[in-house]
């Protein structure tokens, strides 16, 4: 390698090392800024305040979930309670149907039977709709 190329190569290396040094300085400056921000935001007061906010959020969230669970329990209870009522109404309708068919087949029904069945059906319908 001739002296001219050697000097050009050294000049390029010097410029490159300057770029490395400049990049390092920029990184150190950014690191210092970030570190200062972190130390300011992690002061004891701020940390306690954030921790308190997290605890409040946790408490509110638990309360909301608890209320939703209570509402779901109530809905399930109402649903199953109504299911039992529906089953009872169904049994009464089945019984009335059986009685009505038997009376119809034997032709042993009278007006009072029809009135009683109508009254029972209206009552069952009322029970169903409440």
Foldseek 3Di string as FASTA:
>chain_A
DDPVVVVVVVVVVVVVVVVVVVVVVVVVVVVVVVVVVVVVCPPPVNVVVVVVVVVVVVVVVVVVVVVVVVVVVVVVVVVVVLVVLVVVLVVVVVVLVVVVVVCVVVVPDDPVNVVVSVVSVVVSVVSNVD
